[in-house]
C-alpha atoms as a PDB file:
ATOM      1  CA  MET A   1     141.482 177.591  88.467  1.00  0.00           C
ATOM      2  CA  LYS A   2     144.276 175.274  87.357  1.00  0.00           C
ATOM      3  CA  PHE A   3     147.282 176.879  85.699  1.00  0.00           C
ATOM      4  CA  VAL A   4     149.750 174.902  83.603  1.00  0.00           C
ATOM      5  CA  ARG A   5     152.976 175.638  81.813  1.00  0.00           C
ATOM      6  CA  PHE A   6     153.261 173.803  78.533  1.00  0.00           C
ATOM      7  CA  GLU A   7     155.227 173.392  75.335  1.00  0.00           C
ATOM      8  CA  LYS A   8     153.782 173.207  71.841  1.00  0.00           C
ATOM      9  CA  ASN A   9     155.721 173.563  68.606  1.00  0.00           C
ATOM     10  CA  GLN A  10     158.863 174.427  70.631  1.00  0.00           C
ATOM     11  CA  ALA A  11     157.098 177.421  72.210  1.00  0.00           C
ATOM     12  CA  ILE A  12     156.530 177.579  75.966  1.00  0.00           C
ATOM     13  CA  SER A  13     153.413 179.225  77.374  1.00  0.00           C
ATOM     14  CA  TYR A  14     151.171 179.325  80.422  1.00  0.00           C
ATOM     15  CA  GLY A  15     147.584 178.227  80.221  1.00  0.00           C
ATOM     16  CA  VAL A  16     144.482 177.175  82.113  1.00  0.00           C
ATOM     17  CA  ILE A  17     143.081 173.632  82.006  1.00  0.00           C
ATOM     18  CA  GLU A  18     139.351 173.016  81.717  1.00  0.00           C
ATOM     19  CA  ASP A  19     137.823 169.659  80.699  1.00  0.00           C
ATOM     20  CA  ASN A  20     141.108 168.342  79.295  1.00  0.00           C
ATOM     21  CA  ARG A  21     141.535 171.437  77.150  1.00  0.00           C
ATOM     22  CA  VAL A  22     144.315 173.990  77.564  1.00  0.00           C
ATOM     23  CA  PHE A  23     143.402 177.640  77.114  1.00  0.00           C
ATOM     24  CA  PRO A  24     146.637 179.617  76.577  1.00  0.00           C
ATOM     25  CA  LEU A  25     147.272 182.806  78.510  1.00  0.00           C
ATOM     26  CA  LYS A  26     148.385 186.140  77.197  1.00  0.00           C
ATOM     27  CA  GLY A  27     150.718 187.016  80.044  1.00  0.00           C
ATOM     28  CA  SER A  28     151.392 184.793  83.024  1.00  0.00           C
ATOM     29  CA  PRO A  29     149.627 183.744  86.238  1.00  0.00           C
ATOM     30  CA  PHE A  30     151.942 186.105  88.126  1.00  0.00           C
ATOM     31  CA  ASP A  31     150.476 189.073  86.275  1.00  0.00           C
ATOM     32  CA  ASP A  32     146.967 190.133  87.318  1.00  0.00           C
ATOM     33  CA  ASN A  33     146.394 191.456  83.810  1.00  0.00           C
ATOM     34  CA  PHE A  34     146.679 188.106  82.031  1.00  0.00           C
ATOM     35  CA  VAL A  35     144.023 187.220  79.450  1.00  0.00           C
ATOM     36  CA  ILE A  36     142.690 183.707  78.809  1.00  0.00           C
ATOM     37  CA  GLU A  37     142.458 183.075  75.091  1.00  0.00           C
ATOM     38  CA  LYS A  38     139.209 181.691  73.671  1.00  0.00           C
ATOM     39  CA  GLU A  39     140.812 179.084  71.415  1.00  0.00           C
ATOM     40  CA  SER A  40     141.882 175.927  73.268  1.00  0.00           C
ATOM     41  CA  ILE A  41     144.239 173.007  72.651  1.00  0.00           C
ATOM     42  CA  GLY A  42     143.687 169.355  73.549  1.00  0.00           C
ATOM     43  CA  ILE A  43     145.714 168.259  76.567  1.00  0.00           C
ATOM     44  CA  ASN A  44     147.205 165.443  74.467  1.00  0.00           C
ATOM     45  CA  GLU A  45     148.512 167.972  71.949  1.00  0.00           C
ATOM     46  CA  VAL A  46     150.880 169.669  74.391  1.00  0.00           C
ATOM     47  CA  LYS A  47     153.722 168.665  76.691  1.00  0.00           C
ATOM     48  CA  LEU A  48     153.106 169.713  80.278  1.00  0.00           C
ATOM     49  CA  LEU A  49     156.186 171.198  81.932  1.00  0.00           C
ATOM     50  CA  ALA A  50     157.001 172.028  85.530  1.00  0.00           C
ATOM     51  CA  PRO A  51     154.272 174.584  86.312  1.00  0.00           C
ATOM     52  CA  CYS A  52     156.706 177.395  87.162  1.00  0.00           C
ATOM     53  CA  THR A  53     160.407 178.246  86.988  1.00  0.00           C
ATOM     54  CA  PRO A  54     161.439 179.039  90.560  1.00  0.00           C
ATOM     55  CA  GLY A  55     164.420 181.167  91.416  1.00  0.00           C
ATOM     56  CA  LYS A  56     164.674 179.155  94.609  1.00  0.00           C
ATOM     57  CA  ILE A  57     162.996 176.157  96.206  1.00  0.00           C
ATOM     58  CA  LEU A  58     162.648 176.363  99.977  1.00  0.00           C
ATOM     59  CA  CYS A  59     162.078 173.048 101.700  1.00  0.00           C
ATOM     60  CA  VAL A  60     160.691 172.187 105.115  1.00  0.00           C
ATOM     61  CA  GLY A  61     162.086 169.098 106.806  1.00  0.00           C
ATOM     62  CA  LEU A  62     160.427 166.964 109.472  1.00  0.00           C
ATOM     63  CA  ASN A  63     157.078 168.751 109.154  1.00  0.00           C
ATOM     64  CA  TYR A  64     155.010 165.633 109.907  1.00  0.00           C
ATOM     65  CA  ALA A  65     155.571 164.112 113.346  1.00  0.00           C
ATOM     66  CA  ASP A  66     155.293 160.543 112.008  1.00  0.00           C
ATOM     67  CA  HIS A  67     158.081 161.174 109.486  1.00  0.00           C
ATOM     68  CA  ALA A  68     160.360 162.671 112.142  1.00  0.00           C
ATOM     69  CA  ALA A  69     159.781 159.542 114.223  1.00  0.00           C
ATOM     70  CA  GLU A  70     160.540 157.142 111.374  1.00  0.00           C
ATOM     71  CA  VAL A  71     163.932 158.750 110.744  1.00  0.00           C
ATOM     72  CA  GLY A  72     164.741 158.838 114.465  1.00  0.00           C
ATOM     73  CA  LEU A  73     164.652 162.611 114.948  1.00  0.00           C
ATOM     74  CA  ALA A  74     162.712 164.739 117.401  1.00  0.00           C
ATOM     75  CA  THR A  75     159.691 166.746 116.315  1.00  0.00           C
ATOM     76  CA  PRO A  76     161.076 170.228 115.618  1.00  0.00           C
ATOM     77  CA  LYS A  77     160.102 173.264 117.698  1.00  0.00           C
ATOM     78  CA  TRP A  78     160.684 175.575 114.721  1.00  0.00           C
ATOM     79  CA  PRO A  79     160.877 174.904 110.972  1.00  0.00           C
ATOM     80  CA  VAL A  80     163.838 172.948 109.642  1.00  0.00           C
ATOM     81  CA  ILE A  81     164.681 174.714 106.377  1.00  0.00           C
ATOM     82  CA  PHE A  82     166.938 173.761 103.497  1.00  0.00           C
ATOM     83  CA  MET A  83     167.082 174.759  99.837  1.00  0.00           C
ATOM     84  CA  LYS A  84     167.227 173.111  96.446  1.00  0.00           C
ATOM     85  CA  PRO A  85     168.684 174.768  93.351  1.00  0.00           C
ATOM     86  CA  SER A  86     166.472 175.547  90.377  1.00  0.00           C
ATOM     87  CA  THR A  87     168.374 172.944  88.331  1.00  0.00           C
ATOM     88  CA  THR A  88     166.640 170.166  90.281  1.00  0.00           C
ATOM     89  CA  VAL A  89     163.233 171.006  88.758  1.00  0.00           C
ATOM     90  CA  ILE A  90     161.546 168.675  86.278  1.00  0.00           C
ATOM     91  CA  GLY A  91     157.920 168.340  85.222  1.00  0.00           C
ATOM     92  CA  PRO A  92     155.343 165.584  84.794  1.00  0.00           C
ATOM     93  CA  ASP A  93     156.542 162.431  83.022  1.00  0.00           C
ATOM     94  CA  GLU A  94     160.143 163.621  82.954  1.00  0.00           C
ATOM     95  CA  GLU A  95     162.836 161.246  84.177  1.00  0.00           C
ATOM     96  CA  ILE A  96     164.391 161.238  87.635  1.00  0.00           C
ATOM     97  CA  ILE A  97     168.046 160.391  87.118  1.00  0.00           C
ATOM     98  CA  TYR A  98     169.543 157.874  89.536  1.00  0.00           C
ATOM     99  CA  PRO A  99     173.122 159.211  89.697  1.00  0.00           C
ATOM    100  CA  GLY A 100     175.865 156.702  89.143  1.00  0.00           C
ATOM    101  CA  ASP A 101     178.862 156.495  91.506  1.00  0.00           C
ATOM    102  CA  PHE A 102     177.298 158.606  94.298  1.00  0.00           C
ATOM    103  CA  VAL A 103     173.983 157.074  95.297  1.00  0.00           C
ATOM    104  CA  THR A 104     173.197 153.732  96.892  1.00  0.00           C
ATOM    105  CA  ARG A 105     169.698 154.632  98.127  1.00  0.00           C
ATOM    106  CA  LEU A 106     167.337 157.012  96.337  1.00  0.00           C
ATOM    107  CA  ASP A 107     164.090 157.909  98.127  1.00  0.00           C
ATOM    108  CA  TYR A 108     160.793 159.519  97.181  1.00  0.00           C
ATOM    109  CA  GLU A 109     159.122 162.104  99.430  1.00  0.00           C
ATOM    110  CA  ALA A 110     155.583 163.183  98.509  1.00  0.00           C
ATOM    111  CA  GLU A 111     154.931 166.815  99.449  1.00  0.00           C
ATOM    112  CA  LEU A 112     152.455 169.645  99.049  1.00  0.00           C
ATOM    113  CA  ALA A 113     154.203 172.546  97.327  1.00  0.00           C
ATOM    114  CA  PHE A 114     153.007 176.120  97.068  1.00  0.00           C
ATOM    115  CA  ILE A 115     154.027 178.896  94.723  1.00  0.00           C
ATOM    116  CA  ILE A 116     154.641 182.525  95.637  1.00  0.00           C
ATOM    117  CA  LYS A 117     152.606 184.969  93.528  1.00  0.00           C
ATOM    118  CA  LYS A 118     154.220 188.317  94.302  1.00  0.00           C
ATOM    119  CA  LYS A 119     157.207 189.765  96.082  1.00  0.00           C
ATOM    120  CA  ALA A 120     156.924 189.020  99.792  1.00  0.00           C
ATOM    121  CA  LYS A 121     158.984 190.492 102.613  1.00  0.00           C
ATOM    122  CA  ASN A 122     158.055 190.632 106.312  1.00  0.00           C
ATOM    123  CA  VAL A 123     154.574 189.291 105.605  1.00  0.00           C
ATOM    124  CA  ALA A 124     152.163 188.980 108.533  1.00  0.00           C
ATOM    125  CA  GLU A 125     150.805 185.463 108.988  1.00  0.00           C
ATOM    126  CA  GLU A 126     147.200 186.664 108.705  1.00  0.00           C
ATOM    127  CA  ASN A 127     147.979 188.144 105.272  1.00  0.00           C
ATOM    128  CA  ALA A 128     150.161 185.303 103.987  1.00  0.00           C
ATOM    129  CA  LEU A 129     147.623 183.657 101.683  1.00  0.00           C
ATOM    130  CA  ASP A 130     147.433 186.886  99.654  1.00  0.00           C
ATOM    131  CA  TYR A 131     150.992 186.157  98.498  1.00  0.00           C
ATOM    132  CA  ILE A 132     150.345 182.602  97.308  1.00  0.00           C
ATOM    133  CA  LEU A 133     149.372 181.817  93.730  1.00  0.00           C
ATOM    134  CA  GLY A 134     148.421 178.201  94.375  1.00  0.00           C
ATOM    135  CA  TYR A 135     149.505 174.659  95.080  1.00  0.00           C
ATOM    136  CA  THR A 136     151.099 171.750  93.249  1.00  0.00           C
ATOM    137  CA  CYS A 137     152.490 168.267  93.870  1.00  0.00           C
ATOM    138  CA  GLY A 138     156.162 167.901  94.720  1.00  0.00           C
ATOM    139  CA  ASN A 139     158.532 164.975  95.118  1.00  0.00           C
ATOM    140  CA  ASP A 140     161.557 165.820  97.258  1.00  0.00           C
ATOM    141  CA  VAL A 141     163.841 163.162  95.778  1.00  0.00           C
ATOM    142  CA  THR A 142     166.655 162.403  98.199  1.00  0.00           C
ATOM    143  CA  ALA A 143     169.920 160.484  98.040  1.00  0.00           C
ATOM    144  CA  ARG A 144     169.387 159.026 101.492  1.00  0.00           C
ATOM    145  CA  ASN A 145     172.863 157.543 101.843  1.00  0.00           C
ATOM    146  CA  LEU A 146     174.293 161.057 101.487  1.00  0.00           C
ATOM    147  CA  GLN A 147     171.972 162.630 104.044  1.00  0.00           C
ATOM    148  CA  PRO A 148     173.486 162.732 107.534  1.00  0.00           C
ATOM    149  CA  LYS A 149     171.287 162.584 110.599  1.00  0.00           C
ATOM    150  CA  ASP A 150     172.438 166.098 111.446  1.00  0.00           C
ATOM    151  CA  GLY A 151     174.134 168.873 109.556  1.00  0.00           C
ATOM    152  CA  GLN A 152     173.440 170.109 106.052  1.00  0.00           C
ATOM    153  CA  TRP A 153     171.332 168.158 103.544  1.00  0.00           C
ATOM    154  CA  THR A 154     172.307 170.071 100.410  1.00  0.00           C
ATOM    155  CA  ILE A 155     174.245 167.339  98.621  1.00  0.00           C
ATOM    156  CA  ALA A 156     171.588 164.674  99.194  1.00  0.00           C
ATOM    157  CA  LYS A 157     168.814 166.889  97.850  1.00  0.00           C
ATOM    158  CA  SER A 158     170.389 168.826  94.992  1.00  0.00           C
ATOM    159  CA  PHE A 159     171.206 166.516  92.096  1.00  0.00           C
ATOM    160  CA  ASP A 160     169.651 167.496  88.762  1.00  0.00           C
ATOM    161  CA  THR A 161     166.073 166.125  88.401  1.00  0.00           C
ATOM    162  CA  PHE A 162     165.577 165.798  92.182  1.00  0.00           C
ATOM    163  CA  MET A 163     162.576 168.193  92.298  1.00  0.00           C
ATOM    164  CA  PRO A 164     159.628 166.977  90.226  1.00  0.00           C
ATOM    165  CA  LEU A 165     156.731 169.474  90.295  1.00  0.00           C
ATOM    166  CA  GLY A 166     153.276 169.447  88.719  1.00  0.00           C
ATOM    167  CA  PRO A 167     151.068 168.804  86.940  1.00  0.00           C
ATOM    168  CA  VAL A 168     149.143 172.050  87.651  1.00  0.00           C
ATOM    169  CA  ILE A 169     149.011 175.002  90.001  1.00  0.00           C
ATOM    170  CA  ALA A 170     145.603 174.797  91.680  1.00  0.00           C
ATOM    171  CA  THR A 171     144.469 178.122  93.088  1.00  0.00           C
ATOM    172  CA  ASP A 172     141.192 177.429  94.876  1.00  0.00           C
ATOM    173  CA  ILE A 173     141.900 174.580  97.275  1.00  0.00           C
ATOM    174  CA  PRO A 174     142.220 174.535 101.086  1.00  0.00           C
ATOM    175  CA  TRP A 175     145.856 173.876 101.961  1.00  0.00           C
ATOM    176  CA  ASP A 176     144.906 172.309 105.316  1.00  0.00           C
ATOM    177  CA  ASN A 177     142.258 169.892 104.043  1.00  0.00           C
ATOM    178  CA  LEU A 178     143.964 167.786 101.382  1.00  0.00           C
ATOM    179  CA  ASN A 179     144.716 164.085 101.178  1.00  0.00           C
ATOM    180  CA  ILE A 180     148.267 163.365 100.016  1.00  0.00           C
ATOM    181  CA  SER A 181     149.627 160.012  98.852  1.00  0.00           C
ATOM    182  CA  CYS A 182     152.504 158.390  97.012  1.00  0.00           C
ATOM    183  CA  THR A 183     152.584 155.169  95.021  1.00  0.00           C
ATOM    184  CA  LEU A 184     155.587 153.258  93.709  1.00  0.00           C
ATOM    185  CA  ASN A 185     154.798 151.058  90.714  1.00  0.00           C
ATOM    186  CA  GLY A 186     151.134 151.348  91.679  1.00  0.00           C
ATOM    187  CA  GLU A 187     151.650 150.256  95.297  1.00  0.00           C
ATOM    188  CA  LEU A 188     150.558 152.730  97.974  1.00  0.00           C
ATOM    189  CA  LYS A 189     153.562 153.818 100.045  1.00  0.00           C
ATOM    190  CA  GLN A 190     152.564 157.104 101.700  1.00  0.00           C
ATOM    191  CA  LYS A 191     149.127 158.289 102.793  1.00  0.00           C
ATOM    192  CA  SER A 192     148.389 161.281 104.990  1.00  0.00           C
ATOM    193  CA  HIS A 193     146.524 164.569 105.203  1.00  0.00           C
ATOM    194  CA  THR A 194     147.755 168.151 105.218  1.00  0.00           C
ATOM    195  CA  LYS A 195     145.931 168.777 108.500  1.00  0.00           C
ATOM    196  CA  ASN A 196     148.847 166.863 110.009  1.00  0.00           C
ATOM    197  CA  LEU A 197     151.420 169.483 109.034  1.00  0.00           C
ATOM    198  CA  ILE A 198     153.237 170.829 112.083  1.00  0.00           C
ATOM    199  CA  PHE A 199     153.892 174.229 110.479  1.00  0.00           C
ATOM    200  CA  GLY A 200     151.176 175.368 108.099  1.00  0.00           C
ATOM    201  CA  VAL A 201     151.330 177.338 104.872  1.00  0.00           C
ATOM    202  CA  PRO A 202     150.558 180.807 106.332  1.00  0.00           C
ATOM    203  CA  TYR A 203     153.109 180.388 109.106  1.00  0.00           C
ATOM    204  CA  LEU A 204     155.824 179.171 106.732  1.00  0.00           C
ATOM    205  CA  THR A 205     155.202 182.028 104.301  1.00  0.00           C
ATOM    206  CA  SER A 206     155.424 184.619 107.059  1.00  0.00           C
ATOM    207  CA  TYR A 207     158.417 182.972 108.729  1.00  0.00           C
ATOM    208  CA  LEU A 208     160.455 182.648 105.542  1.00  0.00           C
ATOM    209  CA  SER A 209     159.568 186.139 104.311  1.00  0.00           C
ATOM    210  CA  LYS A 210     161.103 187.547 107.490  1.00  0.00           C
ATOM    211  CA  ILE A 211     164.386 185.808 106.628  1.00  0.00           C
ATOM    212  CA  MET A 212     164.607 186.350 102.876  1.00  0.00           C
ATOM    213  CA  THR A 213     162.602 188.073 100.170  1.00  0.00           C
ATOM    214  CA  LEU A 214     160.268 185.659  98.411  1.00  0.00           C
ATOM    215  CA  MET A 215     159.861 186.307  94.697  1.00  0.00           C
ATOM    216  CA  PRO A 216     157.161 185.400  92.162  1.00  0.00           C
ATOM    217  CA  GLY A 217     157.542 181.787  91.124  1.00  0.00           C
ATOM    218  CA  ASP A 218     159.499 180.716  94.196  1.00  0.00           C
ATOM    219  CA  VAL A 219     158.390 177.315  95.486  1.00  0.00           C
ATOM    220  CA  ILE A 220     158.039 176.165  99.084  1.00  0.00           C
ATOM    221  CA  ILE A 221     157.613 172.445  99.728  1.00  0.00           C
ATOM    222  CA  THR A 222     156.034 171.608 103.051  1.00  0.00           C
ATOM    223  CA  GLY A 223     157.539 168.294 104.132  1.00  0.00           C
ATOM    224  CA  THR A 224     156.694 164.630 103.700  1.00  0.00           C
ATOM    225  CA  PRO A 225     154.683 162.204 105.855  1.00  0.00           C
ATOM    226  CA  SER A 226     155.908 158.791 106.949  1.00  0.00           C
ATOM    227  CA  GLY A 227     156.356 155.929 104.522  1.00  0.00           C
ATOM    228  CA  ILE A 228     159.527 157.003 102.740  1.00  0.00           C
ATOM    229  CA  SER A 229     161.456 154.256 101.017  1.00  0.00           C
ATOM    230  CA  SER A 230     163.784 153.691  98.107  1.00  0.00           C
ATOM    231  CA  MET A 231     163.361 153.777  94.342  1.00  0.00           C
ATOM    232  CA  MET A 232     165.307 151.855  91.744  1.00  0.00           C
ATOM    233  CA  PRO A 233     165.911 152.431  88.032  1.00  0.00           C
ATOM    234  CA  GLY A 234     162.794 151.428  86.120  1.00  0.00           C
ATOM    235  CA  ASP A 235     160.451 152.358  88.962  1.00  0.00           C
ATOM    236  CA  GLU A 236     157.529 154.719  88.449  1.00  0.00           C
ATOM    237  CA  VAL A 237     156.614 157.054  91.308  1.00  0.00           C
ATOM    238  CA  SER A 238     153.397 159.076  91.588  1.00  0.00           C
ATOM    239  CA  VAL A 239     152.367 161.812  94.031  1.00  0.00           C
ATOM    240  CA  THR A 240     148.639 162.560  94.278  1.00  0.00           C
ATOM    241  CA  ILE A 241     147.010 165.461  96.151  1.00  0.00           C
ATOM    242  CA  ASP A 242     143.321 166.357  96.298  1.00  0.00           C
ATOM    243  CA  GLY A 243     142.329 169.133  93.929  1.00  0.00           C
ATOM    244  CA  ILE A 244     145.675 169.102  92.117  1.00  0.00           C
ATOM    245  CA  GLY A 245     146.005 165.707  90.478  1.00  0.00           C
ATOM    246  CA  THR A 246     148.863 163.258  90.046  1.00  0.00           C
ATOM    247  CA  LEU A 247     152.533 163.877  89.318  1.00  0.00           C
ATOM    248  CA  THR A 248     154.229 160.822  87.805  1.00  0.00           C
ATOM    249  CA  ASN A 249     157.906 160.311  87.005  1.00  0.00           C
ATOM    250  CA  LYS A 250     160.075 157.344  86.088  1.00  0.00           C
ATOM    251  CA  VAL A 251     163.513 156.630  87.539  1.00  0.00           C
ATOM    252  CA  VAL A 252     166.384 155.968  85.128  1.00  0.00           C
ATOM    253  CA  LYS A 253     170.018 155.127  85.753  1.00  0.00           C
ATOM    254  CA  ARG A 254     172.724 157.212  84.125  1.00  0.00           C
ATOM    255  CA  GLU A 255     176.368 157.309  84.957  1.00  0.00           C
ATOM    256  CA  ASN A 256     177.858 160.666  86.023  1.00  0.00           C
END
């Protein structure tokens, strides 16, 4: 199943996509009692939004060995975790703002993201997948010139529009058997496979739930493979993951 969150006639709803048709939900994907309506809407008649509204976005750094190597850092022995605020979230085809004054290098980072379905605290790794609604594409946009080689990464990661998510939440795909890629203006820049993740989805869910309570709609992004590079205003960046689809956003320059 592929869930979407969409806007039509200034009303926001959840739905399910089948054959380029959106079937609205009564309720939400986080409620087991939701009902799929029989009447559908053409995909071109709605605006797809970010597929959820997370209270928090938890991010895993250096979770592919080749990416750790390209930035000159050691492969971590335990997860490197940072957070993004909810105000970073945008959806498909929305604009990534290249901040004026602050940023001299803005990078893309293609990532598999997963969405928490229900409240999770002290979850055992073997039960972790029961707490996951599904998976989506993420782009961990980063102001690289503001990211130190050690210390906190909050400033570099937290500008508005720095967390594109979408286009769907796919529920029935294997997290550890997905091709992931990123193109910039149609040119392939990143290509890897989720089997290369150092810390997998069940481990991360369990690990993080033992630190903080995970809530429905929270997003965890799992790290980026090698191939990161910069974007400029006017560029178009796309993240593609098997079974999910493609998340595309354009970069625009606006002064702060």
